[in-house]
Amino acid sequence: MKVLTIIGSAKNGNTSEIIRCFKEELKKLGEYEFEDLYLEDFKIDFCTGCHNCIFIGEDKCPHYNDVKAIEDKILVSDILILATPGYMFSVTGIMKNFLDHVAYNCHRPKYFSKKIFYISSCTKWQEKGVFIPMQTWGSAAGFSFIGKMYIDMLPLPFTEKEKMKRRKRIKKSAVSFDKSAMTIVDIKPDFGGVVIFHSFRTICKIAPKIMKADYEYFKKIKAYDKDTKWYVNAKISPIKHYLANFIEKRIEKAINKMIDKNEIDNCKGSFKNKL
């Protein structure tokens, strides 16, 4: 089982120590092959917001080669761990920059065969804000969620009792991780995920020249076929499918009222309205 950990922190910090301890527990439970990837080793400039990745293709990103090197490692792993300390009630800047660069996967998900786990060195008060960006991306990109863990590591010397509390929490999370890693997970998107699929495909149908990369993706997966319910085969109830179709028609109607139909045919790639 190949486990890739993408770390959005400095080396040898609290997050690295949590990961080290977590891996030691996992080694006691099963056969795992680990690789740690520190984002600081990849000199990726900040996302410029050009939207090339979304509109015309990820290979048109000015930082494509460095981002692809990371995504290639994800593609050959079985489980991805995203790890970051909490900075200002969110992920670190370097982790956020990475998520910005791979956000196109939320439009064209491809990680359905993989599982994801999240780790943070943060306090209880930071927990929600730290995990939201990572979980939002992981869910939309197609990963199967198998858990998360936060450990509060204060910059003060802990007593042995306090250290043991954290070791026990890490051990408990490792046992849960190991169990989920070995379990076959059925793909069962929630209603929001089904609606997003329907929303994106209808927007691309309305504006194929602007949403070129997405439109080609949806055609490739046969999203416009009558029997297609989602990106891949998944357990979707008839009622979810019916309601998502209903919402899709409402979205299509609303967008068609807003757009200049004569101008949209002349648009190619990213478009910006001038007020």
Protein backbone atom coordinates (compact mmCIF):
# COMPACT_ATOMS: atom_id res chain seq x y z
CA MET A 1 0.00 0.00 0.00
CA LYS A 2 1.64 3.23 -1.18
CA VAL A 3 1.05 6.24 1.04
CA LEU A 4 2.07 9.70 -0.15
CA THR A 5 2.14 12.50 2.41
CA ILE A 6 2.13 16.05 1.08
CA ILE A 7 3.32 18.36 3.83
CA GLY A 8 2.71 22.10 3.91
CA SER A 9 5.15 22.97 6.68
CA ALA A 10 8.82 23.33 7.44
CA LYS A 11 10.83 20.16 8.00
CA ASN A 12 11.42 18.92 11.56
CA GLY A 13 8.51 20.91 13.00
CA ASN A 14 5.50 19.75 15.03
CA THR A 15 3.65 18.50 11.95
CA SER A 16 6.65 16.39 10.92
CA GLU A 17 6.83 14.90 14.41
CA ILE A 18 3.15 13.96 14.31
CA ILE A 19 3.63 12.32 10.91
CA ARG A 20 6.69 10.42 12.15
CA CYS A 21 4.78 9.04 15.12
CA PHE A 22 1.74 8.21 12.95
CA LYS A 23 3.86 6.26 10.46
CA GLU A 24 5.54 4.32 13.27
CA GLU A 25 2.11 3.17 14.45
CA LEU A 26 1.04 2.24 10.92
CA LYS A 27 4.17 0.13 10.42
CA LYS A 28 3.02 -2.02 13.33
CA LEU A 29 -0.31 -2.65 11.63
CA GLY A 30 0.43 -3.40 7.99
CA GLU A 31 2.69 -3.29 4.96
CA TYR A 32 2.95 0.36 3.97
CA GLU A 33 5.33 2.11 1.62
CA PHE A 34 5.70 5.77 2.63
CA GLU A 35 6.89 8.82 0.74
CA ASP A 36 6.95 12.29 2.28
CA LEU A 37 6.79 15.27 -0.02
CA TYR A 38 7.50 18.71 1.40
CA LEU A 39 5.96 21.48 -0.67
CA GLU A 40 8.87 23.75 0.20
CA ASP A 41 11.05 21.55 -2.02
CA PHE A 42 8.93 22.49 -5.05
CA LYS A 43 9.45 26.09 -6.07
CA ILE A 44 5.94 26.79 -7.28
CA ASP A 45 5.11 30.49 -7.60
CA PHE A 46 1.79 31.74 -6.31
CA CYS A 47 -1.24 30.99 -8.47
CA THR A 48 -1.85 34.06 -10.65
CA GLY A 49 -5.57 33.41 -11.10
CA CYS A 50 -5.23 33.19 -14.90
CA HIS A 51 -7.76 30.30 -14.91
CA ASN A 52 -5.93 28.64 -17.80
CA CYS A 53 -6.10 25.33 -15.95
CA ILE A 54 -9.88 25.48 -15.72
CA PHE A 55 -10.77 27.04 -19.07
CA ILE A 56 -8.27 25.64 -21.57
CA GLY A 57 -6.32 22.93 -19.72
CA GLU A 58 -4.00 22.34 -16.77
CA ASP A 59 -1.03 22.06 -19.10
CA LYS A 60 -1.48 25.78 -19.87
CA CYS A 61 -0.70 26.75 -16.27
CA PRO A 62 2.56 28.75 -16.13
CA HIS A 63 3.66 26.47 -13.27
CA TYR A 64 2.46 23.25 -14.89
CA ASN A 65 5.69 21.25 -14.80
CA ASP A 66 6.23 21.63 -11.06
CA VAL A 67 2.58 20.94 -10.24
CA LYS A 68 2.52 17.92 -12.56
CA ALA A 69 5.55 16.45 -10.78
CA ILE A 70 3.48 16.37 -7.59
CA GLU A 71 0.31 15.10 -9.24
CA ASP A 72 2.27 12.30 -10.94
CA LYS A 73 3.23 11.08 -7.46
CA ILE A 74 -0.40 11.20 -6.33
CA LEU A 75 -1.46 9.14 -9.34
CA VAL A 76 0.89 6.26 -8.45
CA SER A 77 -0.07 6.23 -4.75
CA ASP A 78 -2.97 4.40 -3.11
CA ILE A 79 -3.59 6.83 -0.27
CA LEU A 80 -2.86 10.54 -0.04
CA ILE A 81 -2.29 12.32 3.25
CA LEU A 82 -2.45 16.11 3.30
CA ALA A 83 -0.71 17.54 6.36
CA THR A 84 -0.39 21.11 7.55
CA PRO A 85 -0.15 23.12 10.74
CA GLY A 86 -2.88 25.64 11.43
CA TYR A 87 -2.03 29.21 10.39
CA MET A 88 -4.61 31.90 11.14
CA PHE A 89 -7.43 29.34 11.39
CA SER A 90 -6.60 27.82 8.00
CA VAL A 91 -3.89 25.90 6.17
CA THR A 92 -0.43 27.34 5.59
CA GLY A 93 0.16 29.62 2.63
CA ILE A 94 2.24 27.00 0.84
CA MET A 95 -0.54 24.40 1.22
CA LYS A 96 -3.18 26.88 0.05
CA ASN A 97 -1.04 27.70 -2.98
CA PHE A 98 -0.84 24.01 -3.83
CA LEU A 99 -4.61 23.60 -3.49
CA ASP A 100 -5.13 26.63 -5.73
CA HIS A 101 -2.96 25.04 -8.41
CA VAL A 102 -4.79 21.71 -8.35
CA ALA A 103 -8.28 23.21 -7.98
CA TYR A 104 -9.03 22.36 -11.62
CA ASN A 105 -9.55 18.80 -10.34
CA CYS A 106 -12.76 20.03 -8.75
CA HIS A 107 -14.02 20.63 -12.31
CA ARG A 108 -12.46 17.51 -13.81
CA PRO A 109 -12.04 14.99 -10.95
CA LYS A 110 -9.80 12.02 -11.56
CA TYR A 111 -8.87 10.53 -8.19
CA PHE A 112 -11.84 8.19 -7.73
CA SER A 113 -9.68 5.12 -7.13
CA LYS A 114 -7.77 6.73 -4.25
CA LYS A 115 -8.32 7.45 -0.57
CA ILE A 116 -7.42 10.53 1.42
CA PHE A 117 -6.59 11.34 5.05
CA TYR A 118 -5.89 14.71 6.68
CA ILE A 119 -3.47 15.64 9.46
CA SER A 120 -2.96 18.94 11.23
CA SER A 121 -0.94 20.32 14.08
CA CYS A 122 -3.47 22.77 15.46
CA THR A 123 -5.77 23.54 18.35
CA LYS A 124 -9.42 22.55 18.76
CA TRP A 125 -10.42 26.14 17.90
CA GLN A 126 -8.52 26.01 14.60
CA GLU A 127 -9.59 22.50 13.58
CA LYS A 128 -12.65 23.35 11.47
CA GLY A 129 -11.00 26.16 9.50
CA VAL A 130 -7.85 24.14 8.84
CA PHE A 131 -9.62 21.08 7.47
CA ILE A 132 -12.23 22.85 5.30
CA PRO A 133 -9.88 23.79 2.38
CA MET A 134 -8.27 20.34 2.24
CA GLN A 135 -11.51 18.39 2.59
CA THR A 136 -13.31 20.56 0.03
CA TRP A 137 -10.60 19.84 -2.54
CA GLY A 138 -10.27 16.15 -1.68
CA SER A 139 -14.00 15.51 -1.94
CA ALA A 140 -14.45 17.40 -5.21
CA ALA A 141 -11.35 15.80 -6.78
CA GLY A 142 -12.84 12.32 -6.33
CA PHE A 143 -10.97 10.89 -3.32
CA SER A 144 -12.68 8.61 -0.80
CA PHE A 145 -12.40 10.20 2.65
CA ILE A 146 -11.02 7.81 5.31
CA GLY A 147 -10.44 10.15 8.22
CA LYS A 148 -8.64 13.10 9.76
CA MET A 149 -6.59 13.82 12.86
CA TYR A 150 -5.47 16.97 14.62
CA ILE A 151 -2.95 17.06 17.46
CA ASP A 152 -2.40 20.17 19.56
CA MET A 153 1.35 20.67 20.00
CA LEU A 154 2.09 23.69 22.16
CA PRO A 155 5.56 25.34 22.03
CA LEU A 156 6.03 24.38 25.69
CA PRO A 157 7.64 21.29 27.30
CA PHE A 158 4.89 18.69 27.91
CA THR A 159 4.85 16.34 30.86
CA GLU A 160 5.11 12.64 30.04
CA LYS A 161 1.40 12.35 30.80
CA GLU A 162 0.54 14.97 28.17
CA LYS A 163 2.82 13.33 25.61
CA MET A 164 1.12 9.98 26.27
CA LYS A 165 -2.30 11.51 25.63
CA ARG A 166 -1.19 12.59 22.17
CA ARG A 167 0.50 9.26 21.43
CA LYS A 168 -2.75 7.47 22.28
CA ARG A 169 -4.74 9.73 19.95
CA ILE A 170 -2.26 9.10 17.15
CA LYS A 171 -2.38 5.34 17.77
CA LYS A 172 -6.20 5.38 17.70
CA SER A 173 -6.17 7.29 14.39
CA ALA A 174 -3.61 4.86 12.94
CA VAL A 175 -5.84 1.88 13.79
CA SER A 176 -8.81 3.59 12.13
CA PHE A 177 -6.66 4.51 9.10
CA ASP A 178 -5.44 0.92 8.72
CA LYS A 179 -8.95 -0.48 8.87
CA SER A 180 -10.26 2.01 6.28
CA ALA A 181 -7.22 1.53 4.04
CA MET A 182 -8.01 -2.17 3.70
CA THR A 183 -11.75 -1.67 3.15
CA ILE A 184 -13.25 -1.45 -0.32
CA VAL A 185 -15.24 1.76 -0.40
CA ASP A 186 -18.29 2.10 -2.62
CA ILE A 187 -18.45 5.40 -4.47
CA LYS A 188 -21.55 7.09 -3.10
CA PRO A 189 -21.60 10.87 -3.67
CA ASP A 190 -23.73 13.05 -1.47
CA PHE A 191 -26.51 15.14 -2.99
CA GLY A 192 -24.31 18.24 -3.20
CA GLY A 193 -21.74 16.31 -5.24
CA VAL A 194 -24.43 15.12 -7.65
CA VAL A 195 -25.74 18.66 -8.09
CA ILE A 196 -22.22 19.98 -8.80
CA PHE A 197 -21.83 17.41 -11.58
CA HIS A 198 -25.12 18.48 -13.16
CA SER A 199 -24.30 22.17 -12.73
CA PHE A 200 -20.85 21.98 -14.32
CA ARG A 201 -21.96 19.93 -17.29
CA THR A 202 -24.79 22.31 -18.16
CA ILE A 203 -22.55 25.40 -17.83
CA CYS A 204 -20.07 23.76 -20.20
CA LYS A 205 -22.85 22.94 -22.65
CA ILE A 206 -23.93 26.59 -22.65
CA ALA A 207 -20.39 27.97 -23.03
CA PRO A 208 -18.20 25.28 -24.66
CA LYS A 209 -15.74 27.79 -26.16
CA ILE A 210 -15.09 29.39 -22.78
CA MET A 211 -15.15 26.18 -20.72
CA LYS A 212 -13.16 24.32 -23.36
CA ALA A 213 -11.21 21.94 -21.12
CA ASP A 214 -14.21 21.10 -18.97
CA TYR A 215 -16.45 20.60 -22.01
CA GLU A 216 -13.96 18.17 -23.58
CA TYR A 217 -13.75 16.33 -20.25
CA PHE A 218 -17.53 15.98 -20.00
CA LYS A 219 -17.76 14.73 -23.57
CA LYS A 220 -15.01 12.18 -22.89
CA ILE A 221 -16.83 10.72 -19.89
CA LYS A 222 -20.12 10.76 -21.87
CA ALA A 223 -21.71 13.13 -19.37
CA TYR A 224 -24.35 14.18 -21.88
CA ASP A 225 -25.63 10.66 -22.47
CA LYS A 226 -29.10 10.04 -21.12
CA ASP A 227 -28.04 7.30 -18.72
CA THR A 228 -25.00 9.09 -17.25
CA LYS A 229 -25.63 10.11 -13.64
CA TRP A 230 -22.16 11.14 -12.48
CA TYR A 231 -18.47 11.26 -13.42
CA VAL A 232 -18.08 7.51 -12.90
CA ASN A 233 -20.38 4.64 -11.95
CA ALA A 234 -21.66 5.35 -8.47
CA LYS A 235 -24.53 4.59 -6.12
CA ILE A 236 -27.01 7.40 -6.71
CA SER A 237 -30.63 7.02 -5.69
CA PRO A 238 -33.37 7.77 -8.25
CA ILE A 239 -34.66 10.64 -6.11
CA LYS A 240 -31.21 12.29 -5.99
CA HIS A 241 -30.90 11.92 -9.74
CA TYR A 242 -34.39 13.33 -10.34
CA LEU A 243 -33.84 16.34 -8.08
CA ALA A 244 -30.40 17.06 -9.56
CA ASN A 245 -31.89 17.02 -13.06
CA PHE A 246 -34.59 19.42 -11.90
CA ILE A 247 -32.02 21.80 -10.41
CA GLU A 248 -29.89 21.53 -13.56
CA LYS A 249 -32.80 22.70 -15.71
CA ARG A 250 -33.38 25.64 -13.38
CA ILE A 251 -29.69 26.57 -13.54
CA GLU A 252 -29.67 26.32 -17.33
CA LYS A 253 -32.73 28.57 -17.56
CA ALA A 254 -31.25 31.14 -15.16
CA ILE A 255 -27.89 31.31 -16.97
CA ASN A 256 -29.51 31.63 -20.39
CA LYS A 257 -31.37 34.68 -19.11
CA MET A 258 -28.12 36.31 -17.96
CA ILE A 259 -25.85 35.79 -20.95
CA ASP A 260 -25.49 37.62 -24.25
CA LYS A 261 -26.14 34.74 -26.65
CA ASN A 262 -24.72 36.59 -29.63
CA GLU A 263 -21.46 37.41 -27.88
CA ILE A 264 -20.91 34.03 -26.22
CA ASP A 265 -20.35 32.31 -29.57
CA ASN A 266 -17.36 34.58 -30.20
CA CYS A 267 -15.73 33.91 -26.83
CA LYS A 268 -12.68 31.68 -26.63
CA GLY A 269 -11.14 30.76 -23.30
CA SER A 270 -11.31 32.99 -20.26
CA PHE A 271 -13.77 35.89 -20.47
CA LYS A 272 -13.98 38.99 -18.31
CA ASN A 273 -16.95 41.34 -18.23
CA LYS A 274 -16.26 45.07 -18.13
CA LEU A 275 -18.62 47.02 -15.89
